[in-house]
Amino acid sequence: MALAEKIWGSSIGAFITYGKTAAAAALKPLLVTDNGDGTGTLVVSASSSALPTGAATEQGLDDILAKLSADPATQTTLAAILAKLIAAPATEAKQDTGNASLSSIDVKLPAKGGSVPVSGQKTVTTAGTAVAVGGDVDSRDLVVIADPDNSGDIYVGDSSVDAATGVKLPPGGILPCGNVNLAEIYIDADNDGEGISYYYTT
């Protein structure tokens, strides 16, 4: 780039052409002041100089804040959004539903401190007549054990259990039954007065 092609002006200042504009391909003048000693000082307009770091961003934020403060419609919109966030009936309803679900889960969880083991025994008074293992109790991990002193087999099943349909347990036989209600598990026996032991957790 040539420093000058032509010089115009006086001892106060001069315009030196230093290039061409991109739009019109015309010579673009540069203002230089005469220092009086054969040197010149480049004059740069503050309005066209580069902004300091962050100045454009700061100005942008200032403009946004000014618009928010000056625009009643924007303030009204923000106030309406804030009111909905505070009231939020739909959100509260969902939270209530979630809390109810958590409460129901908590009820089904074992009591704090661990499971409580429970054991018992059941005898078939009359062979051929099924009896329930227990009352209306929801058990966890129920295990049925045929009395090792039995002389015959025990049969485990539902209320219609008998020697033909039940799960046969020989003396000392063990049957895991899982999580069941004690009133829904029945036993029958080959002989009167023989039975089982059982245990479960709550």
C-alpha atoms as a PDB file:
ATOM      1  CA  MET A   1       0.000   0.000   0.000  1.00  0.00           C
ATOM      2  CA  ALA A   2       1.488   3.310  -1.035  1.00  0.00           C
ATOM      3  CA  LEU A   3       1.755   5.910   1.684  1.00  0.00           C
ATOM      4  CA  ALA A   4       0.517   8.645  -0.645  1.00  0.00           C
ATOM      5  CA  GLU A   5      -0.515   9.238  -4.171  1.00  0.00           C
ATOM      6  CA  LYS A   6      -1.544  12.884  -3.700  1.00  0.00           C
ATOM      7  CA  ILE A   7      -1.454  15.410  -0.881  1.00  0.00           C
ATOM      8  CA  TRP A   8      -4.050  18.120  -0.454  1.00  0.00           C
ATOM      9  CA  GLY A   9      -4.413  20.848   2.182  1.00  0.00           C
ATOM     10  CA  SER A  10      -2.228  23.245   4.051  1.00  0.00           C
ATOM     11  CA  SER A  11       0.161  23.289   6.970  1.00  0.00           C
ATOM     12  CA  ILE A  12      -2.821  22.464   9.267  1.00  0.00           C
ATOM     13  CA  GLY A  13      -3.524  19.098   7.756  1.00  0.00           C
ATOM     14  CA  ALA A  14      -3.477  16.925   4.703  1.00  0.00           C
ATOM     15  CA  PHE A  15      -5.481  14.068   3.184  1.00  0.00           C
ATOM     16  CA  ILE A  16      -3.438  11.145   1.956  1.00  0.00           C
ATOM     17  CA  THR A  17      -5.084   8.543  -0.263  1.00  0.00           C
ATOM     18  CA  TYR A  18      -4.225   5.070   0.965  1.00  0.00           C
ATOM     19  CA  GLY A  19      -6.592   2.654  -0.681  1.00  0.00           C
ATOM     20  CA  LYS A  20      -9.983   2.082  -2.224  1.00  0.00           C
ATOM     21  CA  THR A  21     -13.387   1.492  -0.682  1.00  0.00           C
ATOM     22  CA  ALA A  22     -14.827  -1.966  -1.154  1.00  0.00           C
ATOM     23  CA  ALA A  23     -18.198  -0.661  -2.335  1.00  0.00           C
ATOM     24  CA  ALA A  24     -17.299   1.953  -4.876  1.00  0.00           C
ATOM     25  CA  ALA A  25     -13.640   1.196  -5.585  1.00  0.00           C
ATOM     26  CA  ALA A  26     -12.943   4.875  -4.935  1.00  0.00           C
ATOM     27  CA  LEU A  27      -9.872   6.317  -3.279  1.00  0.00           C
ATOM     28  CA  LYS A  28     -10.314   6.507   0.481  1.00  0.00           C
ATOM     29  CA  PRO A  29      -8.737   9.552   2.222  1.00  0.00           C
ATOM     30  CA  LEU A  30      -6.743   9.407   5.441  1.00  0.00           C
ATOM     31  CA  LEU A  31      -6.404  12.555   7.615  1.00  0.00           C
ATOM     32  CA  VAL A  32      -2.886  13.441   8.707  1.00  0.00           C
ATOM     33  CA  THR A  33      -1.906  16.603  10.637  1.00  0.00           C
ATOM     34  CA  ASP A  34       1.324  18.437   9.914  1.00  0.00           C
ATOM     35  CA  ASN A  35       3.664  18.471  12.911  1.00  0.00           C
ATOM     36  CA  GLY A  36       5.693  21.327  11.374  1.00  0.00           C
ATOM     37  CA  ASP A  37       8.924  19.363  11.415  1.00  0.00           C
ATOM     38  CA  GLY A  38       8.424  17.387   8.299  1.00  0.00           C
ATOM     39  CA  THR A  39       6.477  14.664  10.083  1.00  0.00           C
ATOM     40  CA  GLY A  40       2.765  14.024  10.291  1.00  0.00           C
ATOM     41  CA  THR A  41       0.355  12.558  12.846  1.00  0.00           C
ATOM     42  CA  LEU A  42      -2.410  10.187  11.814  1.00  0.00           C
ATOM     43  CA  VAL A  43      -5.836  11.382  13.030  1.00  0.00           C
ATOM     44  CA  VAL A  44      -8.224   8.584  13.927  1.00  0.00           C
ATOM     45  CA  SER A  45     -11.891   9.247  14.618  1.00  0.00           C
ATOM     46  CA  ALA A  46     -13.033   7.849  17.960  1.00  0.00           C
ATOM     47  CA  SER A  47     -16.447   7.030  16.496  1.00  0.00           C
ATOM     48  CA  SER A  48     -14.883   4.661  13.981  1.00  0.00           C
ATOM     49  CA  SER A  49     -12.169   3.178  16.180  1.00  0.00           C
ATOM     50  CA  ALA A  50     -12.345  -0.333  17.628  1.00  0.00           C
ATOM     51  CA  LEU A  51     -14.298  -0.645  20.854  1.00  0.00           C
ATOM     52  CA  PRO A  52     -12.570  -1.927  23.974  1.00  0.00           C
ATOM     53  CA  THR A  53     -13.062  -5.567  24.857  1.00  0.00           C
ATOM     54  CA  GLY A  54     -16.601  -6.188  26.040  1.00  0.00           C
ATOM     55  CA  ALA A  55     -17.892  -2.731  25.158  1.00  0.00           C
ATOM     56  CA  ALA A  56     -20.279  -4.011  22.496  1.00  0.00           C
ATOM     57  CA  THR A  57     -21.660  -6.611  24.887  1.00  0.00           C
ATOM     58  CA  GLU A  58     -22.104  -4.085  27.670  1.00  0.00           C
ATOM     59  CA  GLN A  59     -23.891  -1.735  25.309  1.00  0.00           C
ATOM     60  CA  GLY A  60     -26.122  -4.606  24.156  1.00  0.00           C
ATOM     61  CA  LEU A  61     -27.085  -5.431  27.729  1.00  0.00           C
ATOM     62  CA  ASP A  62     -27.747  -1.779  28.475  1.00  0.00           C
ATOM     63  CA  ASP A  63     -30.052  -1.604  25.450  1.00  0.00           C
ATOM     64  CA  ILE A  64     -31.953  -4.723  26.555  1.00  0.00           C
ATOM     65  CA  LEU A  65     -32.398  -3.440  30.095  1.00  0.00           C
ATOM     66  CA  ALA A  66     -33.525  -0.067  28.789  1.00  0.00           C
ATOM     67  CA  LYS A  67     -36.141  -1.720  26.558  1.00  0.00           C
ATOM     68  CA  LEU A  68     -37.384  -3.930  29.395  1.00  0.00           C
ATOM     69  CA  SER A  69     -37.735  -0.904  31.657  1.00  0.00           C
ATOM     70  CA  ALA A  70     -39.399   1.267  29.034  1.00  0.00           C
ATOM     71  CA  ASP A  71     -41.788  -1.316  27.546  1.00  0.00           C
ATOM     72  CA  PRO A  72     -44.937  -1.751  29.720  1.00  0.00           C
ATOM     73  CA  ALA A  73     -46.059  -4.696  27.595  1.00  0.00           C
ATOM     74  CA  THR A  74     -42.824  -6.555  28.333  1.00  0.00           C
ATOM     75  CA  GLN A  75     -43.157  -5.807  32.044  1.00  0.00           C
ATOM     76  CA  THR A  76     -46.730  -7.106  31.984  1.00  0.00           C
ATOM     77  CA  THR A  77     -45.628 -10.296  30.251  1.00  0.00           C
ATOM     78  CA  LEU A  78     -42.833 -10.896  32.763  1.00  0.00           C
ATOM     79  CA  ALA A  79     -45.216 -10.253  35.645  1.00  0.00           C
ATOM     80  CA  ALA A  80     -47.695 -12.761  34.205  1.00  0.00           C
ATOM     81  CA  ILE A  81     -44.978 -15.406  33.855  1.00  0.00           C
ATOM     82  CA  LEU A  82     -43.831 -14.782  37.425  1.00  0.00           C
ATOM     83  CA  ALA A  83     -47.408 -15.082  38.697  1.00  0.00           C
ATOM     84  CA  LYS A  84     -47.797 -18.442  36.955  1.00  0.00           C
ATOM     85  CA  LEU A  85     -44.537 -19.694  38.399  1.00  0.00           C
ATOM     86  CA  ILE A  86     -45.662 -18.700  41.888  1.00  0.00           C
ATOM     87  CA  ALA A  87     -49.177 -20.111  41.591  1.00  0.00           C
ATOM     88  CA  ALA A  88     -48.373 -23.062  39.263  1.00  0.00           C
ATOM     89  CA  PRO A  89     -51.559 -25.060  39.969  1.00  0.00           C
ATOM     90  CA  ALA A  90     -50.680 -27.676  37.356  1.00  0.00           C
ATOM     91  CA  THR A  91     -47.218 -28.136  38.828  1.00  0.00           C
ATOM     92  CA  GLU A  92     -48.601 -28.402  42.359  1.00  0.00           C
ATOM     93  CA  ALA A  93     -51.120 -31.027  41.219  1.00  0.00           C
ATOM     94  CA  LYS A  94     -48.327 -33.069  39.675  1.00  0.00           C
ATOM     95  CA  GLN A  95     -46.273 -32.739  42.841  1.00  0.00           C
ATOM     96  CA  ASP A  96     -49.242 -33.925  44.922  1.00  0.00           C
ATOM     97  CA  THR A  97     -49.642 -36.922  42.618  1.00  0.00           C
ATOM     98  CA  GLY A  98     -45.945 -37.687  42.921  1.00  0.00           C
ATOM     99  CA  ASN A  99     -46.053 -37.422  46.705  1.00  0.00           C
ATOM    100  CA  ALA A 100     -49.031 -39.796  46.831  1.00  0.00           C
ATOM    101  CA  SER A 101     -47.154 -42.313  44.686  1.00  0.00           C
ATOM    102  CA  LEU A 102     -44.094 -42.090  46.918  1.00  0.00           C
ATOM    103  CA  SER A 103     -46.278 -42.598  49.984  1.00  0.00           C
ATOM    104  CA  SER A 104     -47.813 -45.736  48.513  1.00  0.00           C
ATOM    105  CA  ILE A 105     -44.348 -47.072  47.706  1.00  0.00           C
ATOM    106  CA  ASP A 106     -43.193 -46.325  51.231  1.00  0.00           C
ATOM    107  CA  VAL A 107     -46.112 -48.318  52.661  1.00  0.00           C
ATOM    108  CA  LYS A 108     -45.049 -51.368  50.651  1.00  0.00           C
ATOM    109  CA  LEU A 109     -41.428 -51.168  51.751  1.00  0.00           C
ATOM    110  CA  PRO A 110     -40.247 -53.191  54.754  1.00  0.00           C
ATOM    111  CA  ALA A 111     -40.275 -51.392  58.065  1.00  0.00           C
ATOM    112  CA  LYS A 112     -37.096 -49.559  58.989  1.00  0.00           C
ATOM    113  CA  GLY A 113     -34.668 -51.755  60.829  1.00  0.00           C
ATOM    114  CA  GLY A 114     -35.114 -54.798  58.541  1.00  0.00           C
ATOM    115  CA  SER A 115     -37.601 -57.624  58.087  1.00  0.00           C
ATOM    116  CA  VAL A 116     -39.224 -59.397  61.019  1.00  0.00           C
ATOM    117  CA  PRO A 117     -39.081 -63.218  60.913  1.00  0.00           C
ATOM    118  CA  VAL A 118     -42.239 -65.123  61.866  1.00  0.00           C
ATOM    119  CA  SER A 119     -42.616 -68.883  62.319  1.00  0.00           C
ATOM    120  CA  GLY A 120     -45.436 -71.279  63.140  1.00  0.00           C
ATOM    121  CA  GLN A 121     -46.852 -74.787  62.813  1.00  0.00           C
ATOM    122  CA  LYS A 122     -49.978 -76.253  61.281  1.00  0.00           C
ATOM    123  CA  THR A 123     -51.504 -79.707  61.731  1.00  0.00           C
ATOM    124  CA  VAL A 124     -54.039 -81.524  59.555  1.00  0.00           C
ATOM    125  CA  THR A 125     -56.634 -82.789  62.008  1.00  0.00           C
ATOM    126  CA  THR A 126     -58.383 -85.119  59.565  1.00  0.00           C
ATOM    127  CA  ALA A 127     -56.499 -86.584  56.607  1.00  0.00           C
ATOM    128  CA  GLY A 128     -58.239 -85.695  53.353  1.00  0.00           C
ATOM    129  CA  THR A 129     -59.552 -82.370  54.682  1.00  0.00           C
ATOM    130  CA  ALA A 130     -57.338 -79.432  53.635  1.00  0.00           C
ATOM    131  CA  VAL A 131     -56.600 -76.655  56.115  1.00  0.00           C
ATOM    132  CA  ALA A 132     -55.150 -73.175  55.563  1.00  0.00           C
ATOM    133  CA  VAL A 133     -51.614 -72.604  56.781  1.00  0.00           C
ATOM    134  CA  GLY A 134     -52.669 -69.392  58.567  1.00  0.00           C
ATOM    135  CA  GLY A 135     -54.947 -66.388  58.717  1.00  0.00           C
ATOM    136  CA  ASP A 136     -55.208 -63.361  56.445  1.00  0.00           C
ATOM    137  CA  VAL A 137     -51.541 -62.393  56.593  1.00  0.00           C
ATOM    138  CA  ASP A 138     -49.383 -61.263  53.670  1.00  0.00           C
ATOM    139  CA  SER A 139     -46.104 -63.098  54.037  1.00  0.00           C
ATOM    140  CA  ARG A 140     -42.788 -62.580  52.333  1.00  0.00           C
ATOM    141  CA  ASP A 141     -40.587 -65.522  51.359  1.00  0.00           C
ATOM    142  CA  LEU A 142     -42.828 -68.126  52.957  1.00  0.00           C
ATOM    143  CA  VAL A 143     -41.172 -71.530  53.406  1.00  0.00           C
ATOM    144  CA  VAL A 144     -43.141 -74.669  54.295  1.00  0.00           C
ATOM    145  CA  ILE A 145     -41.321 -77.591  55.980  1.00  0.00           C
ATOM    146  CA  ALA A 146     -42.944 -80.988  56.460  1.00  0.00           C
ATOM    147  CA  ASP A 147     -42.542 -82.282  60.001  1.00  0.00           C
ATOM    148  CA  PRO A 148     -39.641 -84.764  59.951  1.00  0.00           C
ATOM    149  CA  ASP A 149     -41.621 -86.940  62.407  1.00  0.00           C
ATOM    150  CA  ASN A 150     -44.484 -87.420  59.938  1.00  0.00           C
ATOM    151  CA  SER A 151     -45.070 -91.008  58.842  1.00  0.00           C
ATOM    152  CA  GLY A 152     -46.718 -89.930  55.570  1.00  0.00           C
ATOM    153  CA  ASP A 153     -46.548 -87.154  53.022  1.00  0.00           C
ATOM    154  CA  ILE A 154     -47.894 -83.611  53.155  1.00  0.00           C
ATOM    155  CA  TYR A 155     -49.572 -81.985  50.136  1.00  0.00           C
ATOM    156  CA  VAL A 156     -49.433 -78.221  49.527  1.00  0.00           C
ATOM    157  CA  GLY A 157     -51.758 -76.258  47.251  1.00  0.00           C
ATOM    158  CA  ASP A 158     -54.949 -74.200  47.185  1.00  0.00           C
ATOM    159  CA  SER A 159     -58.184 -74.818  49.079  1.00  0.00           C
ATOM    160  CA  SER A 160     -58.953 -77.916  46.986  1.00  0.00           C
ATOM    161  CA  VAL A 161     -55.570 -79.563  47.535  1.00  0.00           C
ATOM    162  CA  ASP A 162     -55.405 -83.321  48.038  1.00  0.00           C
ATOM    163  CA  ALA A 163     -53.002 -86.168  47.394  1.00  0.00           C
ATOM    164  CA  ALA A 164     -53.738 -86.031  43.658  1.00  0.00           C
ATOM    165  CA  THR A 165     -53.271 -82.275  43.077  1.00  0.00           C
ATOM    166  CA  GLY A 166     -50.903 -80.932  45.731  1.00  0.00           C
ATOM    167  CA  VAL A 167     -47.136 -80.552  45.860  1.00  0.00           C
ATOM    168  CA  LYS A 168     -45.941 -83.606  47.797  1.00  0.00           C
ATOM    169  CA  LEU A 169     -43.571 -83.099  50.700  1.00  0.00           C
ATOM    170  CA  PRO A 170     -42.037 -86.150  52.319  1.00  0.00           C
ATOM    171  CA  PRO A 171     -41.081 -85.948  56.015  1.00  0.00           C
ATOM    172  CA  GLY A 172     -38.577 -83.112  56.361  1.00  0.00           C
ATOM    173  CA  GLY A 173     -39.327 -81.837  52.819  1.00  0.00           C
ATOM    174  CA  ILE A 174     -38.985 -78.085  52.194  1.00  0.00           C
ATOM    175  CA  LEU A 175     -41.073 -75.942  49.825  1.00  0.00           C
ATOM    176  CA  PRO A 176     -40.362 -72.202  49.205  1.00  0.00           C
ATOM    177  CA  CYS A 177     -43.677 -70.482  48.411  1.00  0.00           C
ATOM    178  CA  GLY A 178     -42.610 -66.859  47.864  1.00  0.00           C
ATOM    179  CA  ASN A 179     -44.773 -63.866  48.781  1.00  0.00           C
ATOM    180  CA  VAL A 180     -48.284 -65.175  49.492  1.00  0.00           C
ATOM    181  CA  ASN A 181     -51.185 -64.722  51.880  1.00  0.00           C
ATOM    182  CA  LEU A 182     -51.203 -67.469  54.497  1.00  0.00           C
ATOM    183  CA  ALA A 183     -54.964 -67.881  54.089  1.00  0.00           C
ATOM    184  CA  GLU A 184     -54.458 -68.858  50.441  1.00  0.00           C
ATOM    185  CA  ILE A 185     -52.016 -71.743  51.082  1.00  0.00           C
ATOM    186  CA  TYR A 186     -53.541 -75.063  52.154  1.00  0.00           C
ATOM    187  CA  ILE A 187     -52.106 -78.378  53.211  1.00  0.00           C
ATOM    188  CA  ASP A 188     -53.430 -81.926  53.385  1.00  0.00           C
ATOM    189  CA  ALA A 189     -51.840 -85.049  54.843  1.00  0.00           C
ATOM    190  CA  ASP A 190     -51.810 -88.819  54.458  1.00  0.00           C
ATOM    191  CA  ASN A 191     -52.435 -89.269  58.165  1.00  0.00           C
ATOM    192  CA  ASP A 192     -54.430 -87.525  60.865  1.00  0.00           C
ATOM    193  CA  GLY A 193     -52.503 -85.211  63.162  1.00  0.00           C
ATOM    194  CA  GLU A 194     -49.493 -84.704  60.893  1.00  0.00           C
ATOM    195  CA  GLY A 195     -48.439 -81.303  59.607  1.00  0.00           C
ATOM    196  CA  ILE A 196     -45.808 -78.722  58.869  1.00  0.00           C
ATOM    197  CA  SER A 197     -43.683 -75.932  60.228  1.00  0.00           C
ATOM    198  CA  TYR A 198     -43.349 -72.637  58.352  1.00  0.00           C
ATOM    199  CA  TYR A 199     -41.582 -69.333  58.506  1.00  0.00           C
ATOM    200  CA  TYR A 200     -41.699 -66.025  56.639  1.00  0.00           C
ATOM    201  CA  THR A 201     -40.789 -62.359  57.014  1.00  0.00           C
ATOM    202  CA  THR A 202     -42.968 -59.257  57.197  1.00  0.00           C
END
